[in-house]
Amino acid sequence: MYPSRAVVGEFVGIDRVRKFLQMGYPRARRHANHK
C-alpha cells in the first residue's frame, strides 16, 4: 500500500508542476523576448 500511495502522490505532484509550467512558461518566454 505504501509504495502505490507514494507513486500516486508523486504523480499528482508532477501533474501540478506540469500545469504550473504550462501556465508560467509562455509568460517567462514573453518577458525574455521583450528584453
Protein backbone atom coordinates (compact mmCIF):
# COMPACT_ATOMS: atom_id res chain seq x y z
CA MET A 1 0.00 0.00 0.00
CA TYR A 2 2.76 2.46 0.88
CA PRO A 3 4.62 2.22 -2.49
CA SER A 4 1.46 2.68 -4.56
CA ARG A 5 0.41 5.57 -2.34
CA ALA A 6 3.81 7.23 -2.77
CA VAL A 7 3.62 6.75 -6.55
CA VAL A 8 0.17 8.34 -6.65
CA GLY A 9 1.38 11.30 -4.59
CA GLU A 10 4.40 11.71 -6.85
CA PHE A 11 2.19 11.58 -9.96
CA VAL A 12 -0.13 14.23 -8.55
CA GLY A 13 2.86 16.43 -7.72
CA ILE A 14 4.26 16.04 -11.24
CA ASP A 15 0.86 16.89 -12.74
CA ARG A 16 0.67 20.01 -10.58
CA VAL A 17 4.18 21.08 -11.59
CA ARG A 18 3.39 20.42 -15.26
CA LYS A 19 0.27 22.62 -15.06
CA PHE A 20 2.27 25.35 -13.32
CA LEU A 21 4.95 25.21 -16.03
CA GLN A 22 2.33 25.32 -18.79
CA MET A 23 0.85 28.47 -17.22
CA GLY A 24 4.14 30.21 -16.42
CA TYR A 25 6.38 29.17 -19.33
CA PRO A 26 4.73 31.38 -22.01
CA ARG A 27 4.90 34.35 -19.64
CA ALA A 28 8.61 33.84 -18.96
CA ARG A 29 9.22 33.43 -22.69
CA ARG A 30 7.38 36.67 -23.42
CA HIS A 31 9.46 38.52 -20.82
CA ALA A 32 12.66 37.14 -22.37
CA ASN A 33 11.52 38.28 -25.82
CA HIS A 34 10.79 41.80 -24.55
CA LYS A 35 14.34 42.08 -23.19
